[in-house]
Amino acid sequence: MMPLRALWQRGRHFGAMLVGVPDYDAYVRHMQDRHPGHEVMTREQFVRSRMEARLGAKTPGKCPC
């Protein structure tokens, strides 16, 4: 059986995905694993870039990494 904390985290992540909230922690893990030499955006920069991509910014669909 899954511990309550892990269940809560999965539910929180799923809920955030439903409403379109970007997952900053997943982004940081991705950057550390796949792009270790690149600078990681701050949480504020990341959220702004995701909102711009979602709402049709100058570079639509561009990955934040």
N, C-alpha and C. Protein backbone atom coordinates (compact mmCIF):
# COMPACT_ATOMS: atom_id res chain seq x y z
N MET A 1 0.84 -1.19 0.00
CA MET A 1 0.00 0.00 0.00
C MET A 1 0.88 1.25 0.00
N MET A 2 0.46 2.26 -0.73
CA MET A 2 1.22 3.48 -0.89
C MET A 2 1.12 4.34 0.38
N PRO A 3 2.27 4.86 0.86
CA PRO A 3 2.21 5.75 2.03
C PRO A 3 1.36 6.99 1.74
N LEU A 4 0.76 7.53 2.78
CA LEU A 4 -0.14 8.67 2.63
C LEU A 4 0.56 9.87 1.97
N ARG A 5 1.82 10.12 2.32
CA ARG A 5 2.55 11.25 1.74
C ARG A 5 2.70 11.10 0.22
N ALA A 6 3.07 9.89 -0.23
CA ALA A 6 3.24 9.64 -1.66
C ALA A 6 1.89 9.78 -2.38
N LEU A 7 0.85 9.31 -1.76
CA LEU A 7 -0.49 9.42 -2.35
C LEU A 7 -0.89 10.89 -2.47
N TRP A 8 -0.63 11.67 -1.44
CA TRP A 8 -0.92 13.10 -1.47
C TRP A 8 -0.15 13.79 -2.59
N GLN A 9 1.14 13.48 -2.74
CA GLN A 9 1.97 14.10 -3.77
C GLN A 9 1.46 13.76 -5.17
N ARG A 10 1.09 12.53 -5.38
CA ARG A 10 0.54 12.13 -6.68
C ARG A 10 -0.77 12.86 -6.98
N GLY A 11 -1.62 12.95 -5.97
CA GLY A 11 -2.89 13.66 -6.15
C GLY A 11 -2.68 15.13 -6.43
N ARG A 12 -1.73 15.74 -5.74
CA ARG A 12 -1.41 17.15 -5.95
C ARG A 12 -0.88 17.38 -7.36
N HIS A 13 0.01 16.50 -7.79
CA HIS A 13 0.58 16.60 -9.13
C HIS A 13 -0.51 16.45 -10.19
N PHE A 14 -1.38 15.47 -10.02
CA PHE A 14 -2.47 15.24 -10.96
C PHE A 14 -3.40 16.45 -11.02
N GLY A 15 -3.75 16.99 -9.87
CA GLY A 15 -4.62 18.17 -9.83
C GLY A 15 -3.99 19.37 -10.51
N ALA A 16 -2.69 19.56 -10.30
CA ALA A 16 -1.99 20.67 -10.94
C ALA A 16 -1.98 20.50 -12.46
N MET A 17 -1.79 19.28 -12.91
CA MET A 17 -1.81 19.02 -14.36
C MET A 17 -3.17 19.33 -14.96
N LEU A 18 -4.23 19.01 -14.22
CA LEU A 18 -5.59 19.25 -14.72
C LEU A 18 -5.86 20.73 -14.96
N VAL A 19 -5.31 21.58 -14.11
CA VAL A 19 -5.58 23.01 -14.25
C VAL A 19 -4.45 23.74 -14.97
N GLY A 20 -3.43 23.02 -15.40
CA GLY A 20 -2.37 23.63 -16.20
C GLY A 20 -1.26 24.30 -15.42
N VAL A 21 -1.07 23.94 -14.17
CA VAL A 21 0.01 24.51 -13.37
C VAL A 21 1.29 23.75 -13.70
N PRO A 22 2.36 24.45 -14.09
CA PRO A 22 3.61 23.77 -14.44
C PRO A 22 4.28 23.16 -13.21
N ASP A 23 5.01 22.07 -13.41
CA ASP A 23 5.69 21.35 -12.33
C ASP A 23 7.16 21.77 -12.29
N TYR A 24 7.47 22.75 -11.46
CA TYR A 24 8.83 23.28 -11.37
C TYR A 24 9.82 22.21 -10.89
N ASP A 25 9.43 21.41 -9.92
CA ASP A 25 10.33 20.38 -9.38
C ASP A 25 10.71 19.37 -10.45
N ALA A 26 9.75 18.99 -11.30
CA ALA A 26 10.05 18.06 -12.40
C ALA A 26 11.00 18.72 -13.40
N TYR A 27 10.81 20.02 -13.65
CA TYR A 27 11.70 20.77 -14.54
C TYR A 27 13.13 20.76 -14.00
N VAL A 28 13.28 21.03 -12.70
CA VAL A 28 14.62 21.06 -12.09
C VAL A 28 15.27 19.69 -12.20
N ARG A 29 14.53 18.63 -11.91
CA ARG A 29 15.09 17.27 -12.03
C ARG A 29 15.50 17.00 -13.47
N HIS A 30 14.66 17.39 -14.43
CA HIS A 30 14.97 17.20 -15.85
C HIS A 30 16.26 17.93 -16.22
N MET A 31 16.39 19.17 -15.78
CA MET A 31 17.58 19.95 -16.11
C MET A 31 18.83 19.33 -15.50
N GLN A 32 18.74 18.86 -14.28
CA GLN A 32 19.89 18.25 -13.61
C GLN A 32 20.28 16.93 -14.28
N ASP A 33 19.29 16.16 -14.69
CA ASP A 33 19.55 14.86 -15.31
C ASP A 33 20.00 14.97 -16.77
N ARG A 34 19.32 15.81 -17.54
CA ARG A 34 19.54 15.86 -18.99
C ARG A 34 20.43 16.99 -19.48
N HIS A 35 20.48 18.09 -18.71
CA HIS A 35 21.23 19.27 -19.13
C HIS A 35 22.06 19.82 -17.97
N PRO A 36 22.99 19.03 -17.42
CA PRO A 36 23.70 19.45 -16.21
C PRO A 36 24.54 20.72 -16.37
N GLY A 37 24.93 21.09 -17.56
CA GLY A 37 25.74 22.28 -17.75
C GLY A 37 24.94 23.56 -17.93
N HIS A 38 23.61 23.44 -18.04
CA HIS A 38 22.77 24.61 -18.30
C HIS A 38 22.28 25.22 -16.98
N GLU A 39 22.04 26.51 -17.02
CA GLU A 39 21.51 27.21 -15.85
C GLU A 39 20.03 26.88 -15.70
N VAL A 40 19.60 26.65 -14.47
CA VAL A 40 18.21 26.35 -14.16
C VAL A 40 17.48 27.66 -13.86
N MET A 41 16.32 27.85 -14.48
CA MET A 41 15.53 29.05 -14.23
C MET A 41 15.03 29.05 -12.79
N THR A 42 14.80 30.24 -12.27
CA THR A 42 14.15 30.35 -10.96
C THR A 42 12.70 29.92 -11.13
N ARG A 43 12.04 29.67 -10.04
CA ARG A 43 10.62 29.27 -10.10
C ARG A 43 9.80 30.35 -10.81
N GLU A 44 10.07 31.61 -10.51
CA GLU A 44 9.33 32.70 -11.14
C GLU A 44 9.57 32.75 -12.65
N GLN A 45 10.82 32.60 -13.06
CA GLN A 45 11.14 32.59 -14.49
C GLN A 45 10.46 31.42 -15.19
N PHE A 46 10.48 30.26 -14.55
CA PHE A 46 9.87 29.07 -15.13
C PHE A 46 8.37 29.24 -15.32
N VAL A 47 7.69 29.71 -14.28
CA VAL A 47 6.24 29.89 -14.36
C VAL A 47 5.91 30.92 -15.43
N ARG A 48 6.67 32.01 -15.50
CA ARG A 48 6.42 33.03 -16.52
C ARG A 48 6.60 32.44 -17.92
N SER A 49 7.66 31.64 -18.11
CA SER A 49 7.91 31.06 -19.44
C SER A 49 6.80 30.09 -19.83
N ARG A 50 6.29 29.32 -18.89
CA ARG A 50 5.21 28.38 -19.18
C ARG A 50 3.92 29.12 -19.49
N MET A 51 3.64 30.21 -18.76
CA MET A 51 2.45 30.98 -19.04
C MET A 51 2.54 31.64 -20.41
N GLU A 52 3.69 32.17 -20.75
CA GLU A 52 3.87 32.78 -22.07
C GLU A 52 3.69 31.74 -23.17
N ALA A 53 4.24 30.55 -22.97
CA ALA A 53 4.09 29.49 -23.97
C ALA A 53 2.63 29.07 -24.10
N ARG A 54 1.93 29.01 -23.00
CA ARG A 54 0.54 28.58 -23.01
C ARG A 54 -0.38 29.63 -23.62
N LEU A 55 -0.05 30.90 -23.40
CA LEU A 55 -0.93 31.97 -23.84
C LEU A 55 -0.51 32.59 -25.16
N GLY A 56 0.43 31.96 -25.86
CA GLY A 56 0.83 32.44 -27.17
C GLY A 56 1.86 33.55 -27.14
N ALA A 57 3.00 33.28 -26.56
CA ALA A 57 4.08 34.26 -26.50
C ALA A 57 4.80 34.33 -27.85
N LYS A 58 5.91 35.04 -27.86
CA LYS A 58 6.70 35.21 -29.06
C LYS A 58 7.25 33.89 -29.59
N THR A 59 7.53 32.94 -28.71
CA THR A 59 8.10 31.65 -29.12
C THR A 59 7.16 30.53 -28.65
N PRO A 60 6.00 30.39 -29.25
CA PRO A 60 5.05 29.37 -28.80
C PRO A 60 5.59 27.95 -28.91
N GLY A 61 5.34 27.16 -27.88
CA GLY A 61 5.73 25.76 -27.91
C GLY A 61 7.18 25.51 -27.60
N LYS A 62 7.94 26.55 -27.27
CA LYS A 62 9.36 26.38 -26.98
C LYS A 62 9.54 25.75 -25.61
N CYS A 63 10.34 24.73 -25.54
CA CYS A 63 10.64 24.05 -24.29
C CYS A 63 11.47 24.98 -23.39
N PRO A 64 11.22 25.01 -22.08
CA PRO A 64 11.98 25.89 -21.21
C PRO A 64 13.43 25.45 -21.01
N CYS A 65 13.76 24.29 -21.52
CA CYS A 65 15.13 23.83 -21.37
C CYS A 65 15.83 24.05 -22.68
